[in-house]
Amino acid sequence: MDTEQILSDLRSELERIDQAIAALEGLDDTGAAAVAKVSPVATTKVTPKTERSRHMSAAGRARIAAAAKARWAKVKAAKGTKPASAKKAAPARHVSAAARKRLSALAKARWAKQKRQGKTTL
């Protein structure tokens, strides 16, 4: 059997099941048909668009991820960049207390000068 024949058989079976469900939902507790109860499932048609929904397997996702990583590795190798683990960390730079004091004095002098000239930074 080819896949088209299998899909056709499954669609017809689905339609028969939907009709059976609609018929059972249309019955009340005594077994008599209730006219007001109609199942929305029975009237819903499966469209070709939803029938052909595709899903990617885990193996397919893994292949795509591996290909993407290989592409990026090739790009990075062409640029000559080192991997992040190979780069040396820059030593932490600290400002000494004396330098901080000197910078503070310079900033205060600048602010005082601007205040004398009538300029405001805000």
PDB file of N, CA and C in Angstrom:
ATOM      1  N   MET A   1       0.843  -1.188   0.000  1.00  0.00           N
ATOM      2  CA  MET A   1       0.000   0.000   0.000  1.00  0.00           C
ATOM      3  C   MET A   1       0.881   1.241   0.000  1.00  0.00           C
ATOM      4  N   ASP A   2       0.510   2.216  -0.792  1.00  0.00           N
ATOM      5  CA  ASP A   2       1.261   3.463  -0.768  1.00  0.00           C
ATOM      6  C   ASP A   2       0.672   4.391   0.285  1.00  0.00           C
ATOM      7  N   THR A   3       1.393   5.431   0.591  1.00  0.00           N
ATOM      8  CA  THR A   3       0.972   6.324   1.682  1.00  0.00           C
ATOM      9  C   THR A   3      -0.323   7.066   1.363  1.00  0.00           C
ATOM     10  N   GLU A   4      -0.562   7.364   0.105  1.00  0.00           N
ATOM     11  CA  GLU A   4      -1.804   8.064  -0.253  1.00  0.00           C
ATOM     12  C   GLU A   4      -3.022   7.193   0.046  1.00  0.00           C
ATOM     13  N   GLN A   5      -2.917   5.903  -0.227  1.00  0.00           N
ATOM     14  CA  GLN A   5      -4.026   4.987   0.048  1.00  0.00           C
ATOM     15  C   GLN A   5      -4.256   4.868   1.547  1.00  0.00           C
ATOM     16  N   ILE A   6      -3.167   4.797   2.305  1.00  0.00           N
ATOM     17  CA  ILE A   6      -3.288   4.704   3.768  1.00  0.00           C
ATOM     18  C   ILE A   6      -3.944   5.959   4.323  1.00  0.00           C
ATOM     19  N   LEU A   7      -3.503   7.132   3.841  1.00  0.00           N
ATOM     20  CA  LEU A   7      -4.099   8.391   4.302  1.00  0.00           C
ATOM     21  C   LEU A   7      -5.574   8.451   3.952  1.00  0.00           C
ATOM     22  N   SER A   8      -5.932   8.008   2.780  1.00  0.00           N
ATOM     23  CA  SER A   8      -7.332   8.018   2.355  1.00  0.00           C
ATOM     24  C   SER A   8      -8.166   7.122   3.269  1.00  0.00           C
ATOM     25  N   ASP A   9      -7.666   5.926   3.576  1.00  0.00           N
ATOM     26  CA  ASP A   9      -8.386   5.011   4.471  1.00  0.00           C
ATOM     27  C   ASP A   9      -8.540   5.608   5.863  1.00  0.00           C
ATOM     28  N   LEU A  10      -7.485   6.234   6.358  1.00  0.00           N
ATOM     29  CA  LEU A  10      -7.552   6.842   7.688  1.00  0.00           C
ATOM     30  C   LEU A  10      -8.542   7.999   7.733  1.00  0.00           C
ATOM     31  N   ARG A  11      -8.579   8.798   6.673  1.00  0.00           N
ATOM     32  CA  ARG A  11      -9.541   9.912   6.623  1.00  0.00           C
ATOM     33  C   ARG A  11     -10.984   9.402   6.628  1.00  0.00           C
ATOM     34  N   SER A  12     -11.250   8.350   5.867  1.00  0.00           N
ATOM     35  CA  SER A  12     -12.619   7.819   5.830  1.00  0.00           C
ATOM     36  C   SER A  12     -12.982   7.217   7.186  1.00  0.00           C
ATOM     37  N   GLU A  13     -12.026   6.560   7.836  1.00  0.00           N
ATOM     38  CA  GLU A  13     -12.279   6.009   9.162  1.00  0.00           C
ATOM     39  C   GLU A  13     -12.549   7.127  10.166  1.00  0.00           C
ATOM     40  N   LEU A  14     -11.805   8.228  10.062  1.00  0.00           N
ATOM     41  CA  LEU A  14     -12.007   9.369  10.946  1.00  0.00           C
ATOM     42  C   LEU A  14     -13.398   9.954  10.758  1.00  0.00           C
ATOM     43  N   GLU A  15     -13.845  10.014   9.530  1.00  0.00           N
ATOM     44  CA  GLU A  15     -15.177  10.553   9.247  1.00  0.00           C
ATOM     45  C   GLU A  15     -16.255   9.649   9.847  1.00  0.00           C
ATOM     46  N   ARG A  16     -16.076   8.334   9.735  1.00  0.00           N
ATOM     47  CA  ARG A  16     -17.044   7.397  10.320  1.00  0.00           C
ATOM     48  C   ARG A  16     -17.070   7.520  11.838  1.00  0.00           C
ATOM     49  N   ILE A  17     -15.900   7.687  12.458  1.00  0.00           N
ATOM     50  CA  ILE A  17     -15.845   7.839  13.913  1.00  0.00           C
ATOM     51  C   ILE A  17     -16.524   9.134  14.335  1.00  0.00           C
ATOM     52  N   ASP A  18     -16.287  10.225  13.598  1.00  0.00           N
ATOM     53  CA  ASP A  18     -16.934  11.505  13.917  1.00  0.00           C
ATOM     54  C   ASP A  18     -18.443  11.384  13.827  1.00  0.00           C
ATOM     55  N   GLN A  19     -18.940  10.665  12.825  1.00  0.00           N
ATOM     56  CA  GLN A  19     -20.387  10.480  12.687  1.00  0.00           C
ATOM     57  C   GLN A  19     -20.941   9.659  13.835  1.00  0.00           C
ATOM     58  N   ALA A  20     -20.209   8.649  14.264  1.00  0.00           N
ATOM     59  CA  ALA A  20     -20.654   7.820  15.381  1.00  0.00           C
ATOM     60  C   ALA A  20     -20.695   8.625  16.672  1.00  0.00           C
ATOM     61  N   ILE A  21     -19.682   9.451  16.882  1.00  0.00           N
ATOM     62  CA  ILE A  21     -19.651  10.302  18.078  1.00  0.00           C
ATOM     63  C   ILE A  21     -20.813  11.277  18.059  1.00  0.00           C
ATOM     64  N   ALA A  22     -21.070  11.872  16.900  1.00  0.00           N
ATOM     65  CA  ALA A  22     -22.183  12.820  16.791  1.00  0.00           C
ATOM     66  C   ALA A  22     -23.506  12.132  17.072  1.00  0.00           C
ATOM     67  N   ALA A  23     -23.666  10.914  16.577  1.00  0.00           N
ATOM     68  CA  ALA A  23     -24.918  10.187  16.804  1.00  0.00           C
ATOM     69  C   ALA A  23     -25.083   9.865  18.275  1.00  0.00           C
ATOM     70  N   LEU A  24     -24.019   9.449  18.949  1.00  0.00           N
ATOM     71  CA  LEU A  24     -24.110   9.126  20.370  1.00  0.00           C
ATOM     72  C   LEU A  24     -24.343  10.366  21.215  1.00  0.00           C
ATOM     73  N   GLU A  25     -23.726  11.477  20.845  1.00  0.00           N
ATOM     74  CA  GLU A  25     -23.943  12.712  21.605  1.00  0.00           C
ATOM     75  C   GLU A  25     -25.345  13.253  21.377  1.00  0.00           C
ATOM     76  N   GLY A  26     -25.959  12.912  20.277  1.00  0.00           N
ATOM     77  CA  GLY A  26     -27.302  13.382  19.975  1.00  0.00           C
ATOM     78  C   GLY A  26     -28.378  12.627  20.725  1.00  0.00           C
ATOM     79  N   LEU A  27     -28.036  11.532  21.376  1.00  0.00           N
ATOM     80  CA  LEU A  27     -29.018  10.747  22.131  1.00  0.00           C
ATOM     81  C   LEU A  27     -29.088  11.245  23.560  1.00  0.00           C
ATOM     82  N   ASP A  28     -30.304  11.205  24.134  1.00  0.00           N
ATOM     83  CA  ASP A  28     -30.415  11.552  25.551  1.00  0.00           C
ATOM     84  C   ASP A  28     -30.306  10.261  26.363  1.00  0.00           C
ATOM     85  N   ASP A  29     -30.531  10.328  27.666  1.00  0.00           N
ATOM     86  CA  ASP A  29     -30.346   9.172  28.543  1.00  0.00           C
ATOM     87  C   ASP A  29     -31.278   8.013  28.197  1.00  0.00           C
ATOM     88  N   THR A  30     -32.450   8.292  27.628  1.00  0.00           N
ATOM     89  CA  THR A  30     -33.402   7.228  27.318  1.00  0.00           C
ATOM     90  C   THR A  30     -33.095   6.557  25.986  1.00  0.00           C
ATOM     91  N   GLY A  31     -32.169   7.106  25.208  1.00  0.00           N
ATOM     92  CA  GLY A  31     -31.834   6.514  23.924  1.00  0.00           C
ATOM     93  C   GLY A  31     -32.556   7.192  22.769  1.00  0.00           C
ATOM     94  N   ALA A  32     -33.427   8.171  23.081  1.00  0.00           N
ATOM     95  CA  ALA A  32     -34.146   8.872  22.026  1.00  0.00           C
ATOM     96  C   ALA A  32     -33.266   9.988  21.490  1.00  0.00           C
ATOM     97  N   ALA A  33     -33.420  10.264  20.202  1.00  0.00           N
ATOM     98  CA  ALA A  33     -32.612  11.301  19.575  1.00  0.00           C
ATOM     99  C   ALA A  33     -33.053  12.668  20.047  1.00  0.00           C
ATOM    100  N   ALA A  34     -32.106  13.491  20.434  1.00  0.00           N
ATOM    101  CA  ALA A  34     -32.372  14.861  20.825  1.00  0.00           C
ATOM    102  C   ALA A  34     -31.983  15.747  19.652  1.00  0.00           C
ATOM    103  N   VAL A  35     -32.906  16.534  19.166  1.00  0.00           N
ATOM    104  CA  VAL A  35     -32.685  17.343  17.980  1.00  0.00           C
ATOM    105  C   VAL A  35     -31.742  18.497  18.269  1.00  0.00           C
ATOM    106  N   ALA A  36     -31.799  19.063  19.461  1.00  0.00           N
ATOM    107  CA  ALA A  36     -31.027  20.260  19.773  1.00  0.00           C
ATOM    108  C   ALA A  36     -29.538  19.979  19.916  1.00  0.00           C
ATOM    109  N   LYS A  37     -29.159  18.769  20.270  1.00  0.00           N
ATOM    110  CA  LYS A  37     -27.752  18.465  20.504  1.00  0.00           C
ATOM    111  C   LYS A  37     -27.066  18.078  19.192  1.00  0.00           C
ATOM    112  N   VAL A  38     -26.138  18.925  18.759  1.00  0.00           N
ATOM    113  CA  VAL A  38     -25.350  18.622  17.572  1.00  0.00           C
ATOM    114  C   VAL A  38     -23.893  18.823  17.933  1.00  0.00           C
ATOM    115  N   SER A  39     -23.084  17.874  17.623  1.00  0.00           N
ATOM    116  CA  SER A  39     -21.677  17.937  17.979  1.00  0.00           C
ATOM    117  C   SER A  39     -20.908  18.808  16.997  1.00  0.00           C
ATOM    118  N   PRO A  40     -20.106  19.755  17.503  1.00  0.00           N
ATOM    119  CA  PRO A  40     -19.274  20.536  16.592  1.00  0.00           C
ATOM    120  C   PRO A  40     -18.176  19.693  15.962  1.00  0.00           C
ATOM    121  N   VAL A  41     -17.852  18.558  16.570  1.00  0.00           N
ATOM    122  CA  VAL A  41     -16.820  17.680  16.031  1.00  0.00           C
ATOM    123  C   VAL A  41     -17.285  17.062  14.725  1.00  0.00           C
ATOM    124  N   ALA A  42     -18.586  16.752  14.642  1.00  0.00           N
ATOM    125  CA  ALA A  42     -19.113  16.100  13.443  1.00  0.00           C
ATOM    126  C   ALA A  42     -19.090  17.031  12.243  1.00  0.00           C
ATOM    127  N   THR A  43     -19.229  18.323  12.489  1.00  0.00           N
ATOM    128  CA  THR A  43     -19.264  19.267  11.379  1.00  0.00           C
ATOM    129  C   THR A  43     -17.878  19.767  10.987  1.00  0.00           C
ATOM    130  N   THR A  44     -16.883  19.466  11.791  1.00  0.00           N
ATOM    131  CA  THR A  44     -15.536  19.943  11.517  1.00  0.00           C
ATOM    132  C   THR A  44     -14.883  19.051  10.477  1.00  0.00           C
ATOM    133  N   LYS A  45     -14.412  19.661   9.401  1.00  0.00           N
ATOM    134  CA  LYS A  45     -13.701  18.928   8.360  1.00  0.00           C
ATOM    135  C   LYS A  45     -12.208  19.110   8.568  1.00  0.00           C
ATOM    136  N   VAL A  46     -11.452  18.087   8.308  1.00  0.00           N
ATOM    137  CA  VAL A  46     -10.000  18.176   8.380  1.00  0.00           C
ATOM    138  C   VAL A  46      -9.518  18.751   7.061  1.00  0.00           C
ATOM    139  N   THR A  47      -8.819  19.877   7.142  1.00  0.00           N
ATOM    140  CA  THR A  47      -8.342  20.515   5.921  1.00  0.00           C
ATOM    141  C   THR A  47      -7.022  19.909   5.496  1.00  0.00           C
ATOM    142  N   PRO A  48      -6.712  19.976   4.211  1.00  0.00           N
ATOM    143  CA  PRO A  48      -5.435  19.428   3.752  1.00  0.00           C
ATOM    144  C   PRO A  48      -4.228  20.075   4.422  1.00  0.00           C
ATOM    145  N   LYS A  49      -4.373  21.344   4.812  1.00  0.00           N
ATOM    146  CA  LYS A  49      -3.247  22.033   5.440  1.00  0.00           C
ATOM    147  C   LYS A  49      -2.885  21.380   6.771  1.00  0.00           C
ATOM    148  N   THR A  50      -3.908  21.023   7.570  1.00  0.00           N
ATOM    149  CA  THR A  50      -3.628  20.399   8.866  1.00  0.00           C
ATOM    150  C   THR A  50      -3.224  18.946   8.704  1.00  0.00           C
ATOM    151  N   GLU A  51      -3.631  18.317   7.623  1.00  0.00           N
ATOM    152  CA  GLU A  51      -3.250  16.937   7.396  1.00  0.00           C
ATOM    153  C   GLU A  51      -1.765  16.812   7.107  1.00  0.00           C
ATOM    154  N   ARG A  52      -1.190  17.833   6.489  1.00  0.00           N
ATOM    155  CA  ARG A  52       0.193  17.762   6.068  1.00  0.00           C
ATOM    156  C   ARG A  52       1.146  18.427   7.044  1.00  0.00           C
ATOM    157  N   SER A  53       0.758  18.561   8.312  1.00  0.00           N
ATOM    158  CA  SER A  53       1.666  19.206   9.260  1.00  0.00           C
ATOM    159  C   SER A  53       2.898  18.321   9.429  1.00  0.00           C
ATOM    160  N   ARG A  54       4.039  18.945   9.440  1.00  0.00           N
ATOM    161  CA  ARG A  54       5.294  18.201   9.505  1.00  0.00           C
ATOM    162  C   ARG A  54       5.985  18.473  10.822  1.00  0.00           C
ATOM    163  N   HIS A  55       6.636  17.474  11.306  1.00  0.00           N
ATOM    164  CA  HIS A  55       7.384  17.606  12.551  1.00  0.00           C
ATOM    165  C   HIS A  55       8.796  17.095  12.308  1.00  0.00           C
ATOM    166  N   MET A  56       9.752  17.766  12.901  1.00  0.00           N
ATOM    167  CA  MET A  56      11.145  17.382  12.711  1.00  0.00           C
ATOM    168  C   MET A  56      11.545  16.402  13.813  1.00  0.00           C
ATOM    169  N   SER A  57      12.253  15.372  13.428  1.00  0.00           N
ATOM    170  CA  SER A  57      12.700  14.385  14.408  1.00  0.00           C
ATOM    171  C   SER A  57      13.864  14.957  15.221  1.00  0.00           C
ATOM    172  N   ALA A  58      14.139  14.310  16.322  1.00  0.00           N
ATOM    173  CA  ALA A  58      15.262  14.743  17.168  1.00  0.00           C
ATOM    174  C   ALA A  58      16.575  14.601  16.410  1.00  0.00           C
ATOM    175  N   ALA A  59      16.681  13.554  15.603  1.00  0.00           N
ATOM    176  CA  ALA A  59      17.899  13.357  14.814  1.00  0.00           C
ATOM    177  C   ALA A  59      18.066  14.482  13.789  1.00  0.00           C
ATOM    178  N   GLY A  60      16.967  14.900  13.197  1.00  0.00           N
ATOM    179  CA  GLY A  60      17.020  16.004  12.232  1.00  0.00           C
ATOM    180  C   GLY A  60      17.462  17.298  12.882  1.00  0.00           C
ATOM    181  N   ARG A  61      16.925  17.573  14.070  1.00  0.00           N
ATOM    182  CA  ARG A  61      17.335  18.781  14.801  1.00  0.00           C
ATOM    183  C   ARG A  61      18.810  18.709  15.160  1.00  0.00           C
ATOM    184  N   ALA A  62      19.277  17.520  15.560  1.00  0.00           N
ATOM    185  CA  ALA A  62      20.688  17.369  15.924  1.00  0.00           C
ATOM    186  C   ALA A  62      21.584  17.604  14.715  1.00  0.00           C
ATOM    187  N   ARG A  63      21.176  17.120  13.537  1.00  0.00           N
ATOM    188  CA  ARG A  63      21.970  17.337  12.328  1.00  0.00           C
ATOM    189  C   ARG A  63      22.057  18.814  11.994  1.00  0.00           C
ATOM    190  N   ILE A  64      20.942  19.519  12.106  1.00  0.00           N
ATOM    191  CA  ILE A  64      20.920  20.953  11.804  1.00  0.00           C
ATOM    192  C   ILE A  64      21.787  21.709  12.808  1.00  0.00           C
ATOM    193  N   ALA A  65      21.707  21.360  14.086  1.00  0.00           N
ATOM    194  CA  ALA A  65      22.510  22.029  15.110  1.00  0.00           C
ATOM    195  C   ALA A  65      24.004  21.790  14.861  1.00  0.00           C
ATOM    196  N   ALA A  66      24.358  20.560  14.502  1.00  0.00           N
ATOM    197  CA  ALA A  66      25.761  20.258  14.232  1.00  0.00           C
ATOM    198  C   ALA A  66      26.266  21.036  13.024  1.00  0.00           C
ATOM    199  N   ALA A  67      25.428  21.147  11.993  1.00  0.00           N
ATOM    200  CA  ALA A  67      25.824  21.903  10.802  1.00  0.00           C
ATOM    201  C   ALA A  67      26.009  23.380  11.129  1.00  0.00           C
ATOM    202  N   ALA A  68      25.117  23.934  11.952  1.00  0.00           N
ATOM    203  CA  ALA A  68      25.225  25.345  12.332  1.00  0.00           C
ATOM    204  C   ALA A  68      26.498  25.588  13.137  1.00  0.00           C
ATOM    205  N   LYS A  69      26.800  24.687  14.063  1.00  0.00           N
ATOM    206  CA  LYS A  69      28.022  24.843  14.864  1.00  0.00           C
ATOM    207  C   LYS A  69      29.257  24.769  13.975  1.00  0.00           C
ATOM    208  N   ALA A  70      29.221  23.867  12.991  1.00  0.00           N
ATOM    209  CA  ALA A  70      30.362  23.742  12.079  1.00  0.00           C
ATOM    210  C   ALA A  70      30.533  25.006  11.250  1.00  0.00           C
ATOM    211  N   ARG A  71      29.416  25.588  10.790  1.00  0.00           N
ATOM    212  CA  ARG A  71      29.484  26.834  10.009  1.00  0.00           C
ATOM    213  C   ARG A  71      30.083  27.952  10.840  1.00  0.00           C
ATOM    214  N   TRP A  72      29.631  28.093  12.078  1.00  0.00           N
ATOM    215  CA  TRP A  72      30.149  29.166  12.926  1.00  0.00           C
ATOM    216  C   TRP A  72      31.618  28.939  13.260  1.00  0.00           C
ATOM    217  N   ALA A  73      32.007  27.707  13.462  1.00  0.00           N
ATOM    218  CA  ALA A  73      33.415  27.417  13.737  1.00  0.00           C
ATOM    219  C   ALA A  73      34.271  27.800  12.536  1.00  0.00           C
ATOM    220  N   LYS A  74      33.755  27.535  11.348  1.00  0.00           N
ATOM    221  CA  LYS A  74      34.482  27.886  10.124  1.00  0.00           C
ATOM    222  C   LYS A  74      34.612  29.402   9.998  1.00  0.00           C
ATOM    223  N   VAL A  75      33.543  30.132  10.293  1.00  0.00           N
ATOM    224  CA  VAL A  75      33.571  31.602  10.218  1.00  0.00           C
ATOM    225  C   VAL A  75      34.566  32.163  11.224  1.00  0.00           C
ATOM    226  N   LYS A  76      34.526  31.645  12.441  1.00  0.00           N
ATOM    227  CA  LYS A  76      35.428  32.136  13.478  1.00  0.00           C
ATOM    228  C   LYS A  76      36.879  31.798  13.160  1.00  0.00           C
ATOM    229  N   ALA A  77      37.101  30.625  12.571  1.00  0.00           N
ATOM    230  CA  ALA A  77      38.461  30.242  12.197  1.00  0.00           C
ATOM    231  C   ALA A  77      38.982  31.145  11.085  1.00  0.00           C
ATOM    232  N   ALA A  78      38.102  31.541  10.167  1.00  0.00           N
ATOM    233  CA  ALA A  78      38.506  32.423   9.074  1.00  0.00           C
ATOM    234  C   ALA A  78      38.881  33.804   9.600  1.00  0.00           C
ATOM    235  N   LYS A  79      38.209  34.247  10.643  1.00  0.00           N
ATOM    236  CA  LYS A  79      38.520  35.553  11.231  1.00  0.00           C
ATOM    237  C   LYS A  79      39.785  35.493  12.072  1.00  0.00           C
ATOM    238  N   GLY A  80      40.162  34.318  12.477  1.00  0.00           N
ATOM    239  CA  GLY A  80      41.364  34.175  13.302  1.00  0.00           C
ATOM    240  C   GLY A  80      41.119  34.497  14.758  1.00  0.00           C
ATOM    241  N   THR A  81      39.899  34.429  15.197  1.00  0.00           N
ATOM    242  CA  THR A  81      39.608  34.719  16.594  1.00  0.00           C
ATOM    243  C   THR A  81      39.893  33.488  17.433  1.00  0.00           C
ATOM    244  N   LYS A  82      40.304  33.734  18.650  1.00  0.00           N
ATOM    245  CA  LYS A  82      40.569  32.653  19.572  1.00  0.00           C
ATOM    246  C   LYS A  82      39.278  32.297  20.294  1.00  0.00           C
ATOM    247  N   PRO A  83      39.132  31.071  20.705  1.00  0.00           N
ATOM    248  CA  PRO A  83      37.971  30.725  21.518  1.00  0.00           C
ATOM    249  C   PRO A  83      38.011  31.488  22.837  1.00  0.00           C
ATOM    250  N   ALA A  84      36.876  31.660  23.464  1.00  0.00           N
ATOM    251  CA  ALA A  84      36.782  32.445  24.688  1.00  0.00           C
ATOM    252  C   ALA A  84      37.667  31.879  25.791  1.00  0.00           C
ATOM    253  N   SER A  85      37.846  30.566  25.825  1.00  0.00           N
ATOM    254  CA  SER A  85      38.643  29.967  26.891  1.00  0.00           C
ATOM    255  C   SER A  85      40.137  30.240  26.708  1.00  0.00           C
ATOM    256  N   ALA A  86      40.573  30.546  25.482  1.00  0.00           N
ATOM    257  CA  ALA A  86      41.992  30.767  25.221  1.00  0.00           C
ATOM    258  C   ALA A  86      42.427  32.196  25.540  1.00  0.00           C
ATOM    259  N   LYS A  87      41.478  33.119  25.649  1.00  0.00           N
ATOM    260  CA  LYS A  87      41.820  34.518  25.917  1.00  0.00           C
ATOM    261  C   LYS A  87      42.214  34.684  27.377  1.00  0.00           C
ATOM    262  N   LYS A  88      43.210  35.526  27.610  1.00  0.00           N
ATOM    263  CA  LYS A  88      43.618  35.817  28.978  1.00  0.00           C
ATOM    264  C   LYS A  88      42.677  36.861  29.564  1.00  0.00           C
ATOM    265  N   ALA A  89      42.355  36.674  30.805  1.00  0.00           N
ATOM    266  CA  ALA A  89      41.520  37.645  31.494  1.00  0.00           C
ATOM    267  C   ALA A  89      42.378  38.840  31.876  1.00  0.00           C
ATOM    268  N   ALA A  90      41.864  40.030  31.628  1.00  0.00           N
ATOM    269  CA  ALA A  90      42.601  41.238  31.986  1.00  0.00           C
ATOM    270  C   ALA A  90      42.634  41.359  33.498  1.00  0.00           C
ATOM    271  N   PRO A  91      43.760  41.774  34.046  1.00  0.00           N
ATOM    272  CA  PRO A  91      43.823  41.917  35.499  1.00  0.00           C
ATOM    273  C   PRO A  91      42.883  43.039  35.953  1.00  0.00           C
ATOM    274  N   ALA A  92      42.300  42.837  37.104  1.00  0.00           N
ATOM    275  CA  ALA A  92      41.386  43.837  37.641  1.00  0.00           C
ATOM    276  C   ALA A  92      42.168  45.096  37.975  1.00  0.00           C
ATOM    277  N   ARG A  93      41.649  46.237  37.547  1.00  0.00           N
ATOM    278  CA  ARG A  93      42.335  47.508  37.805  1.00  0.00           C
ATOM    279  C   ARG A  93      41.604  48.238  38.921  1.00  0.00           C
ATOM    280  N   HIS A  94      42.376  48.694  39.881  1.00  0.00           N
ATOM    281  CA  HIS A  94      41.794  49.386  41.024  1.00  0.00           C
ATOM    282  C   HIS A  94      42.394  50.783  41.124  1.00  0.00           C
ATOM    283  N   VAL A  95      41.571  51.709  41.579  1.00  0.00           N
ATOM    284  CA  VAL A  95      42.039  53.070  41.800  1.00  0.00           C
ATOM    285  C   VAL A  95      42.435  53.170  43.270  1.00  0.00           C
ATOM    286  N   SER A  96      43.622  53.655  43.501  1.00  0.00           N
ATOM    287  CA  SER A  96      44.095  53.772  44.885  1.00  0.00           C
ATOM    288  C   SER A  96      43.322  54.869  45.604  1.00  0.00           C
ATOM    289  N   ALA A  97      43.394  54.857  46.910  1.00  0.00           N
ATOM    290  CA  ALA A  97      42.689  55.848  47.731  1.00  0.00           C
ATOM    291  C   ALA A  97      43.212  57.248  47.431  1.00  0.00           C
ATOM    292  N   ALA A  98      44.502  57.391  47.210  1.00  0.00           N
ATOM    293  CA  ALA A  98      45.091  58.697  46.930  1.00  0.00           C
ATOM    294  C   ALA A  98      44.594  59.226  45.574  1.00  0.00           C
ATOM    295  N   ALA A  99      44.529  58.344  44.604  1.00  0.00           N
ATOM    296  CA  ALA A  99      44.051  58.761  43.279  1.00  0.00           C
ATOM    297  C   ALA A  99      42.578  59.153  43.345  1.00  0.00           C
ATOM    298  N   ARG A 100      41.803  58.393  44.121  1.00  0.00           N
ATOM    299  CA  ARG A 100      40.386  58.726  44.276  1.00  0.00           C
ATOM    300  C   ARG A 100      40.218  60.098  44.909  1.00  0.00           C
ATOM    301  N   LYS A 101      41.027  60.383  45.892  1.00  0.00           N
ATOM    302  CA  LYS A 101      40.971  61.675  46.582  1.00  0.00           C
ATOM    303  C   LYS A 101      41.332  62.805  45.623  1.00  0.00           C
ATOM    304  N   ARG A 102      42.360  62.595  44.810  1.00  0.00           N
ATOM    305  CA  ARG A 102      42.796  63.605  43.839  1.00  0.00           C
ATOM    306  C   ARG A 102      41.696  63.842  42.788  1.00  0.00           C
ATOM    307  N   LEU A 103      41.074  62.766  42.297  1.00  0.00           N
ATOM    308  CA  LEU A 103      39.988  62.921  41.324  1.00  0.00           C
ATOM    309  C   LEU A 103      38.789  63.655  41.927  1.00  0.00           C
ATOM    310  N   SER A 104      38.504  63.347  43.175  1.00  0.00           N
ATOM    311  CA  SER A 104      37.395  64.012  43.857  1.00  0.00           C
ATOM    312  C   SER A 104      37.662  65.511  43.974  1.00  0.00           C
ATOM    313  N   ALA A 105      38.885  65.872  44.319  1.00  0.00           N
ATOM    314  CA  ALA A 105      39.241  67.289  44.454  1.00  0.00           C
ATOM    315  C   ALA A 105      39.133  67.995  43.104  1.00  0.00           C
ATOM    316  N   LEU A 106      39.585  67.337  42.034  1.00  0.00           N
ATOM    317  CA  LEU A 106      39.486  67.943  40.698  1.00  0.00           C
ATOM    318  C   LEU A 106      38.027  68.158  40.286  1.00  0.00           C
ATOM    319  N   ALA A 107      37.181  67.170  40.573  1.00  0.00           N
ATOM    320  CA  ALA A 107      35.770  67.289  40.219  1.00  0.00           C
ATOM    321  C   ALA A 107      35.111  68.417  41.006  1.00  0.00           C
ATOM    322  N   LYS A 108      35.426  68.524  42.297  1.00  0.00           N
ATOM    323  CA  LYS A 108      34.848  69.594  43.117  1.00  0.00           C
ATOM    324  C   LYS A 108      35.303  70.958  42.628  1.00  0.00           C
ATOM    325  N   ALA A 109      36.554  71.054  42.205  1.00  0.00           N
ATOM    326  CA  ALA A 109      37.053  72.320  41.677  1.00  0.00           C
ATOM    327  C   ALA A 109      36.329  72.680  40.381  1.00  0.00           C
ATOM    328  N   ARG A 110      36.096  71.676  39.529  1.00  0.00           N
ATOM    329  CA  ARG A 110      35.376  71.914  38.273  1.00  0.00           C
ATOM    330  C   ARG A 110      33.955  72.388  38.555  1.00  0.00           C
ATOM    331  N   TRP A 111      33.287  71.742  39.513  1.00  0.00           N
ATOM    332  CA  TRP A 111      31.921  72.121  39.844  1.00  0.00           C
ATOM    333  C   TRP A 111      31.868  73.543  40.430  1.00  0.00           C
ATOM    334  N   ALA A 112      32.832  73.871  41.271  1.00  0.00           N
ATOM    335  CA  ALA A 112      32.871  75.209  41.877  1.00  0.00           C
ATOM    336  C   ALA A 112      33.063  76.260  40.786  1.00  0.00           C
ATOM    337  N   LYS A 113      33.942  75.984  39.807  1.00  0.00           N
ATOM    338  CA  LYS A 113      34.187  76.921  38.716  1.00  0.00           C
ATOM    339  C   LYS A 113      32.910  77.139  37.904  1.00  0.00           C
ATOM    340  N   GLN A 114      32.198  76.046  37.612  1.00  0.00           N
ATOM    341  CA  GLN A 114      30.954  76.170  36.847  1.00  0.00           C
ATOM    342  C   GLN A 114      29.901  76.929  37.625  1.00  0.00           C
ATOM    343  N   LYS A 115      29.873  76.732  38.933  1.00  0.00           N
ATOM    344  CA  LYS A 115      28.907  77.427  39.768  1.00  0.00           C
ATOM    345  C   LYS A 115      29.204  78.919  39.785  1.00  0.00           C
ATOM    346  N   ARG A 116      30.513  79.270  39.835  1.00  0.00           N
ATOM    347  CA  ARG A 116      30.880  80.691  39.810  1.00  0.00           C
ATOM    348  C   ARG A 116      30.489  81.337  38.495  1.00  0.00           C
ATOM    349  N   GLN A 117      30.569  80.581  37.401  1.00  0.00           N
ATOM    350  CA  GLN A 117      30.239  81.127  36.086  1.00  0.00           C
ATOM    351  C   GLN A 117      28.728  81.100  35.818  1.00  0.00           C
ATOM    352  N   GLY A 118      27.985  80.533  36.725  1.00  0.00           N
ATOM    353  CA  GLY A 118      26.531  80.508  36.579  1.00  0.00           C
ATOM    354  C   GLY A 118      26.030  79.360  35.709  1.00  0.00           C
ATOM    355  N   LYS A 119      26.855  78.397  35.414  1.00  0.00           N
ATOM    356  CA  LYS A 119      26.455  77.266  34.600  1.00  0.00           C
ATOM    357  C   LYS A 119      25.986  76.148  35.510  1.00  0.00           C
ATOM    358  N   THR A 120      24.944  75.478  35.047  1.00  0.00           N
ATOM    359  CA  THR A 120      24.485  74.303  35.773  1.00  0.00           C
ATOM    360  C   THR A 120      24.500  73.103  34.829  1.00  0.00           C
ATOM    361  N   THR A 121      24.803  71.975  35.343  1.00  0.00           N
ATOM    362  CA  THR A 121      24.870  70.767  34.498  1.00  0.00           C
ATOM    363  C   THR A 121      23.533  70.101  34.352  1.00  0.00           C
ATOM    364  N   LEU A 122      22.580  70.444  35.200  1.00  0.00           N
ATOM    365  CA  LEU A 122      21.263  69.823  35.111  1.00  0.00           C
ATOM    366  C   LEU A 122      20.425  70.609  34.219  1.00  0.00           C
TER     367      LEU A 122
END
